[in-house]
Protein backbone atom coordinates (compact mmCIF):
# COMPACT_ATOMS: atom_id res chain seq x y z
CA MET A 1 4.74 -9.44 -23.76
CA LYS A 2 1.80 -11.75 -24.46
CA GLU A 3 3.46 -15.18 -24.41
CA LEU A 4 4.81 -17.22 -21.50
CA SER A 5 8.02 -19.22 -22.01
CA VAL A 6 7.36 -21.61 -19.11
CA SER A 7 4.34 -23.45 -17.74
CA LYS A 8 2.11 -21.94 -15.06
CA LYS A 9 3.20 -24.72 -12.71
CA GLU A 10 6.79 -23.60 -13.18
CA VAL A 11 5.68 -20.05 -12.35
CA GLY A 12 4.30 -21.38 -9.06
CA ARG A 13 7.52 -23.27 -8.32
CA ALA A 14 9.62 -20.17 -9.07
CA GLY A 15 7.50 -18.25 -6.57
CA ASP A 16 8.09 -20.93 -3.94
CA ARG A 17 11.84 -20.72 -4.45
CA LEU A 18 11.82 -16.92 -4.21
CA VAL A 19 9.88 -17.12 -0.93
CA SER A 20 12.39 -19.64 0.42
CA SER A 21 15.25 -17.24 -0.41
CA TYR A 22 13.29 -14.34 1.11
CA ASN A 23 12.69 -16.24 4.35
CA ASP A 24 16.37 -17.26 4.54
CA ASP A 25 17.52 -13.70 3.74
CA ALA A 26 19.38 -15.12 0.75
CA ARG A 27 19.98 -13.68 -2.72
CA TYR A 28 17.25 -14.34 -5.26
CA ASP A 29 18.07 -16.63 -8.16
CA GLY A 30 18.12 -14.62 -11.39
CA PHE A 31 16.25 -17.34 -13.29
CA ASP A 32 13.36 -17.24 -10.81
CA VAL A 33 13.26 -13.43 -10.85
CA GLY A 34 13.06 -13.60 -14.64
CA ILE A 35 10.08 -15.97 -14.49
CA LEU A 36 8.29 -13.74 -11.98
CA HIS A 37 8.88 -10.69 -14.15
CA GLU A 38 7.67 -12.50 -17.26
CA TRP A 39 4.54 -13.68 -15.46
CA ARG A 40 3.59 -10.30 -14.03
CA MET A 41 4.23 -8.47 -17.30
CA LEU A 42 1.84 -10.89 -18.97
CA HIS A 43 -0.85 -9.10 -16.94
CA LEU A 44 -0.09 -5.68 -18.44
CA TYR A 45 -2.37 -5.97 -21.47
CA PRO A 46 -5.35 -7.30 -19.46
CA LEU A 47 -4.73 -4.57 -16.87
CA ASN A 48 -4.83 -1.81 -19.46
CA LYS A 49 -8.05 -3.14 -20.96
CA ILE A 50 -9.89 -3.53 -17.65
CA TYR A 51 -8.53 -0.24 -16.30
CA TYR A 52 -10.17 1.50 -19.26
CA TYR A 53 -13.64 0.57 -17.97
CA LEU A 54 -12.86 1.58 -14.39
CA GLN A 55 -11.47 4.95 -15.45
CA ARG A 56 -14.27 5.62 -17.94
CA ASP A 57 -17.08 4.90 -15.49
CA ALA A 58 -15.37 6.65 -12.57
CA LEU A 59 -14.96 9.88 -14.56
CA LEU A 60 -18.51 9.70 -15.91
CA LEU A 61 -19.71 9.47 -12.32
CA ASN A 62 -17.32 12.08 -10.91
CA LYS A 63 -15.10 14.14 -13.21
CA ASN A 64 -12.70 14.71 -10.30
CA ALA A 65 -12.28 11.01 -9.52
CA LEU A 66 -8.66 9.91 -9.16
CA THR A 67 -7.69 6.72 -10.95
CA SER A 68 -4.46 4.79 -11.33
CA SER A 69 -3.12 1.36 -12.26
CA ARG A 70 0.01 -0.60 -11.47
CA ILE A 71 1.78 -3.92 -11.91
CA LYS A 72 2.78 -5.26 -8.49
CA ARG A 73 6.45 -4.87 -7.63
CA LEU A 74 8.74 -7.79 -6.81
CA PRO A 75 9.25 -7.00 -3.09
CA SER A 76 5.49 -6.75 -2.53
CA ILE A 77 4.84 -9.99 -4.41
CA VAL A 78 7.40 -12.06 -2.52
CA SER A 79 6.55 -10.65 0.92
CA LYS A 80 2.85 -11.35 0.33
CA LEU A 81 3.59 -14.92 -0.77
CA SER A 82 5.67 -15.32 2.40
CA ARG A 83 2.84 -14.07 4.63
CA PHE A 84 0.32 -16.39 2.97
CA PRO A 85 2.07 -19.77 2.46
CA GLU A 86 -1.02 -21.32 0.85
CA MET A 87 -0.91 -18.72 -1.94
CA LYS A 88 0.92 -19.49 -5.20
CA LEU A 89 2.48 -16.99 -7.60
CA ASN A 90 0.52 -18.38 -10.54
CA LYS A 91 -2.75 -17.88 -8.62
CA MET A 92 -2.27 -14.35 -7.26
CA GLN A 93 -5.23 -12.08 -8.01
CA ASP A 94 -3.61 -8.66 -7.71
CA LEU A 95 -0.46 -8.78 -9.84
CA GLY A 96 -2.30 -6.24 -11.96
CA GLY A 97 -4.41 -3.74 -10.06
CA CYS A 98 -6.26 -0.52 -10.67
CA ARG A 99 -7.91 1.94 -8.30
CA ALA A 100 -10.54 4.65 -8.26
CA ILE A 101 -10.86 7.23 -5.49
CA LEU A 102 -14.20 8.98 -5.07
CA ASP A 103 -15.78 11.58 -2.82
CA ASN A 104 -17.99 9.39 -0.62
CA VAL A 105 -19.34 5.92 0.08
CA GLU A 106 -22.46 6.49 -2.02
CA GLN A 107 -20.30 7.13 -5.09
CA VAL A 108 -18.28 3.97 -4.39
CA TYR A 109 -21.40 1.81 -4.59
CA GLN A 110 -22.68 3.73 -7.61
CA LEU A 111 -19.44 3.00 -9.44
CA VAL A 112 -19.59 -0.66 -8.44
CA ASP A 113 -23.11 -0.88 -9.90
CA ARG A 114 -22.03 0.88 -13.11
CA ILE A 115 -19.11 -1.50 -13.66
CA ARG A 116 -21.16 -4.60 -12.90
CA ALA A 117 -23.73 -3.44 -15.45
CA SER A 118 -21.09 -2.81 -18.13
CA ARG A 119 -21.30 -4.98 -21.21
CA PHE A 120 -17.85 -6.47 -21.53
CA ARG A 121 -16.65 -10.05 -21.79
CA HIS A 122 -14.44 -10.10 -18.73
CA GLU A 123 -15.79 -12.28 -15.94
CA LEU A 124 -16.36 -11.00 -12.41
CA VAL A 125 -14.97 -13.82 -10.25
CA ARG A 126 -14.82 -12.23 -6.82
CA THR A 127 -16.01 -9.25 -4.81
CA ASP A 128 -14.90 -8.18 -1.34
CA ASP A 129 -16.80 -5.41 0.38
CA TYR A 130 -14.29 -4.34 3.00
CA MET A 131 -16.50 -1.40 3.91
CA VAL A 132 -18.97 -3.90 5.39
CA ARG A 133 -16.58 -6.70 6.32
CA VAL A 134 -13.85 -4.39 7.59
CA LYS A 135 -10.42 -5.96 7.96
CA ASP A 136 -9.03 -6.24 11.49
CA SER A 137 -6.50 -3.53 10.64
CA GLY A 138 -9.33 -1.11 9.86
CA TYR A 139 -8.85 -1.29 6.08
CA ARG A 140 -11.96 -0.24 4.13
CA SER A 141 -12.47 -0.44 0.38
CA TYR A 142 -14.47 -2.32 -2.25
CA HIS A 143 -12.57 -4.89 -4.32
CA MET A 144 -13.64 -6.54 -7.57
CA VAL A 145 -11.55 -9.21 -9.30
CA TYR A 146 -12.08 -9.81 -13.02
CA ALA A 147 -10.82 -12.72 -15.12
CA PHE A 148 -9.68 -11.36 -18.46
CA ASN A 149 -11.51 -12.66 -21.55
CA ASN A 150 -10.46 -11.62 -25.07
CA SER A 151 -10.65 -13.40 -28.44
CA LYS A 152 -7.57 -11.61 -29.82
CA TYR A 153 -5.17 -13.07 -27.23
CA PRO A 154 -6.81 -16.25 -25.89
CA ASN A 155 -3.62 -17.26 -24.06
CA LEU A 156 -4.23 -14.32 -21.71
CA ASN A 157 -7.73 -15.42 -20.85
CA GLY A 158 -8.25 -16.12 -17.18
CA LEU A 159 -5.57 -13.74 -15.94
CA ARG A 160 -6.97 -11.82 -13.00
CA ILE A 161 -7.04 -8.09 -12.45
CA GLU A 162 -8.16 -6.43 -9.23
CA MET A 163 -10.13 -3.20 -8.99
CA GLN A 164 -10.07 -1.22 -5.74
CA ILE A 165 -12.71 1.45 -5.22
CA ARG A 166 -12.60 3.66 -2.13
CA THR A 167 -13.30 7.13 -0.81
CA ALA A 168 -10.74 9.90 -0.45
CA ILE A 169 -10.77 9.64 3.35
CA GLN A 170 -10.33 5.86 3.18
CA HIS A 171 -7.44 6.38 0.79
CA SER A 172 -5.80 8.89 3.11
CA TRP A 173 -5.96 6.27 5.87
CA ALA A 174 -4.41 3.58 3.66
CA THR A 175 -1.61 5.93 2.58
CA ALA A 176 -0.77 6.79 6.19
CA VAL A 177 -0.70 3.11 7.17
CA GLU A 178 1.64 2.33 4.26
CA MET A 179 3.92 5.22 5.15
CA VAL A 180 4.28 4.37 8.84
CA GLY A 181 4.71 0.69 7.96
CA LEU A 182 7.47 1.59 5.49
CA PHE A 183 9.50 3.62 7.95
CA ARG A 184 8.96 1.24 10.85
CA GLN A 185 9.67 -1.78 8.62
CA GLU A 186 6.40 -3.36 9.77
CA SER A 187 3.52 -4.71 7.70
CA LEU A 188 0.89 -2.74 9.58
CA LYS A 189 -1.62 -3.08 6.73
CA SER A 190 -1.48 -6.86 7.22
CA GLY A 191 -1.85 -6.63 11.00
CA PHE A 192 1.82 -7.10 11.91
CA GLY A 193 3.79 -4.60 13.96
CA ASP A 194 3.66 -2.41 17.06
CA PRO A 195 0.33 -3.06 18.84
CA LYS A 196 -0.01 0.63 19.69
CA TRP A 197 0.30 1.74 16.07
CA LEU A 198 -2.06 -1.03 15.00
CA ARG A 199 -4.61 0.15 17.57
CA PHE A 200 -4.09 3.77 16.52
CA PHE A 201 -4.98 3.04 12.90
CA GLU A 202 -7.86 0.79 13.88
CA LEU A 203 -9.37 3.64 15.93
CA VAL A 204 -8.75 6.18 13.16
CA SER A 205 -10.54 3.93 10.69
CA GLU A 206 -13.57 3.71 12.97
CA LEU A 207 -13.52 7.46 13.51
CA PHE A 208 -13.35 8.17 9.78
CA PHE A 209 -16.21 5.75 9.19
CA LYS A 210 -18.40 7.67 11.62
CA VAL A 211 -17.39 10.97 10.00
CA GLU A 212 -18.30 9.72 6.52
CA ASN A 213 -21.62 8.39 7.69
CA GLY A 214 -22.56 11.64 9.39
CA GLU A 215 -22.97 10.19 12.86
CA SER A 216 -23.60 12.53 15.77
CA LEU A 217 -20.64 14.16 17.51
CA GLY A 218 -21.37 12.23 20.70
CA SER A 219 -20.56 8.93 19.00
CA TYR A 220 -16.95 10.10 18.50
CA ASN A 221 -16.22 10.76 22.16
CA ALA A 222 -15.13 7.30 23.31
CA ILE A 223 -12.95 6.80 20.26
CA SER A 224 -11.50 10.31 20.45
CA GLU A 225 -10.47 9.91 24.09
CA GLU A 226 -8.42 6.76 23.48
CA LEU A 227 -7.15 8.09 20.18
CA ARG A 228 -6.02 11.34 21.75
CA ALA A 229 -3.99 9.45 24.36
CA LEU A 230 -2.40 7.19 21.73
CA SER A 231 -1.64 10.14 19.46
CA VAL A 232 0.27 11.84 22.26
CA GLU A 233 2.07 8.67 23.30
CA LEU A 234 3.13 7.86 19.74
CA ASN A 235 3.76 11.50 18.82
CA ALA A 236 1.69 10.55 15.79
CA PHE A 237 1.08 13.97 14.24
CA ASP A 238 4.73 15.00 14.24
CA ILE A 239 5.91 11.57 13.12
CA LEU A 240 3.49 11.43 10.18
CA THR A 241 4.41 14.95 9.10
CA ALA A 242 8.13 14.17 9.32
CA TYR A 243 7.83 10.88 7.43
CA SER A 244 5.97 12.63 4.63
CA ALA A 245 8.63 15.33 4.39
CA VAL A 246 11.46 12.77 4.39
CA ALA A 247 9.91 10.55 1.74
CA SER A 248 9.08 13.48 -0.53
CA HIS A 249 12.63 14.77 -0.15
CA ILE A 250 14.18 11.40 -1.03
CA GLU A 251 11.83 10.86 -3.95
CA GLY A 252 12.45 14.35 -5.33
CA SER A 253 16.24 14.38 -5.08
CA ASP A 254 18.81 13.15 -7.60
CA LYS A 255 21.10 12.38 -4.66
CA TYR A 256 19.16 9.28 -3.65
CA LYS A 257 19.12 6.88 -6.60
CA LYS A 258 19.78 3.53 -4.93
CA GLY A 259 20.85 1.88 -1.71
CA LEU A 260 19.75 2.59 1.85
CA CYS A 261 18.92 5.67 3.84
CA VAL A 262 19.30 5.93 7.62
CA ILE A 263 16.94 8.69 8.71
CA VAL A 264 16.96 10.40 12.11
CA VAL A 265 14.01 12.66 12.89
CA ASP A 266 13.97 15.05 15.85
CA THR A 267 10.35 16.12 16.14
CA LYS A 268 11.11 18.62 18.89
CA LYS A 269 13.87 20.48 17.06
CA ARG A 270 12.19 19.81 13.67
CA ASN A 271 15.47 18.41 12.37
CA ILE A 272 15.76 15.66 9.78
CA ASN A 273 19.10 13.98 9.05
CA ILE A 274 19.43 11.57 6.12
CA LYS A 275 22.53 9.47 5.49
CA ASN A 276 22.67 7.58 2.20
CA PHE A 277 24.56 4.27 1.86
CA ASP A 278 25.27 2.21 -1.22
CA SER A 279 23.72 -1.27 -1.15
CA SER A 280 27.20 -2.79 -0.74
CA ASN A 281 27.56 -0.89 2.56
CA TYR A 282 24.59 -2.57 4.24
CA GLN A 283 26.64 -3.51 7.30
CA LEU A 284 27.80 0.07 7.84
CA ALA A 285 24.24 1.34 7.45
CA ALA A 286 22.99 -1.28 9.93
CA GLU A 287 25.62 -0.29 12.50
CA MET A 288 24.67 3.38 12.20
CA TYR A 289 21.00 2.47 12.48
CA VAL A 290 21.56 0.48 15.69
CA GLU A 291 23.63 3.31 17.17
CA HIS A 292 20.85 5.85 16.57
CA GLU A 293 18.21 3.37 17.69
CA LYS A 294 19.84 3.18 21.12
CA HIS A 295 19.89 6.97 21.35
CA CYS A 296 16.26 7.30 20.28
CA ALA A 297 15.17 4.67 22.79
CA GLU A 298 16.09 7.18 25.50
CA ASN A 299 14.71 10.27 23.72
CA ILE A 300 10.99 10.29 22.96
CA ASP A 301 11.38 13.18 20.50
CA CYS A 302 13.73 11.10 18.35
CA GLU A 303 12.76 8.59 15.68
CA VAL A 304 15.14 6.56 13.49
CA ALA A 305 14.42 4.48 10.41
CA MET A 306 16.39 2.59 7.79
CA VAL A 307 14.64 2.55 4.42
CA SER A 308 15.67 1.33 0.99
CA VAL A 309 15.40 3.94 -1.73
CA SER A 310 13.51 1.42 -3.88
CA SER A 311 10.83 1.12 -1.20
CA ILE A 312 10.12 4.85 -1.55
CA ASP A 313 9.60 4.29 -5.26
CA GLU A 314 7.36 1.35 -4.45
CA LEU A 315 5.21 3.49 -2.18
CA LYS A 316 4.88 6.09 -4.91
CA SER A 317 3.87 3.37 -7.40
CA ALA A 318 1.21 2.06 -5.01
CA TYR A 319 -0.18 5.50 -4.17
CA PRO A 320 0.46 7.77 -7.17
CA ALA A 321 -2.72 9.81 -6.71
CA TYR A 322 -1.90 11.10 -3.22
CA PHE A 323 1.77 10.25 -2.93
CA LEU A 324 2.63 10.70 0.72
CA ASP A 325 0.11 13.49 1.19
CA THR A 326 -0.86 13.29 4.85
CA LYS A 327 -2.81 16.54 4.90
CA THR A 328 -6.20 14.89 4.32
CA PHE A 329 -5.47 12.28 6.97
CA LEU A 330 -4.17 14.71 9.61
CA ASN A 331 -6.82 17.35 8.95
CA ASN A 332 -9.64 14.88 9.46
CA LEU A 333 -7.98 13.37 12.49
CA SER A 334 -7.25 16.71 14.17
CA ARG A 335 -10.90 17.79 13.92
CA PHE A 336 -11.90 15.16 16.45
CA VAL A 337 -8.76 14.41 18.46
CA PHE A 338 -7.46 17.85 19.43
């Protein structure tokens, strides 16, 4: 798809209407969904072309580099537009995105330099060094946004594609944040949710930064003390391990194709119970969720979540390289917390 059937202004208006429906918990209009899909798929060709350079240079630098690309999914697009009211669908910079995961910070900057020195026609319009200007959540990565430029399809010129370049340990952090946010139904990566979990991930990010930069063991002590207390209070290690097991089970099973899953995790007994509901049985799923939520409120070893099956697929699409692999995250964390 390399042609757009509506104007870019109409794309922006369709995005506004979708956000209004999202905020009102109303059904999306099919016409607006169609416009959004058409607009994002327009980015596929530019994404493939720009991803080629990222993948080529990443593998030349490190043959074990992990790379991936994706077109942003509808739920992520609409929720982001809702969180940032000044943003318009026709101006989003990450509808098409690609990522490279490298061994260390030095390699990240080496790859950035390689790409910036590449001789291609696409225009670098924005850079964000979140390893220096760390987000409040603790997110660290290097972002580069390119405006596509190609003589063969001039109507695609100007479409923006985002590159994300990060280290393996930074990626493990981002995956864990996404996973906990998914099961808790909180946008932790955007700074919204339980203050204790937000603080937990903020501290982990700082700890991982010190680890990657080879700082002395003494510099970890203050962070480790608070982090140890939070880890115990949140039962973080068991929860992260259980979430990973649940998500992998759902994703790998033919039983869960659509609808909702109410998941009850007993971290003490190591039991996981998953009940699948068709989308039409949302009310029944919600009632079961509330019932278990009351029980878990009185039992610290119990955790309940209600997750859409599609959101598991979305998480896999966003993190295909290390899909729900918490081993890197937990191994690094345990070295300095317990």
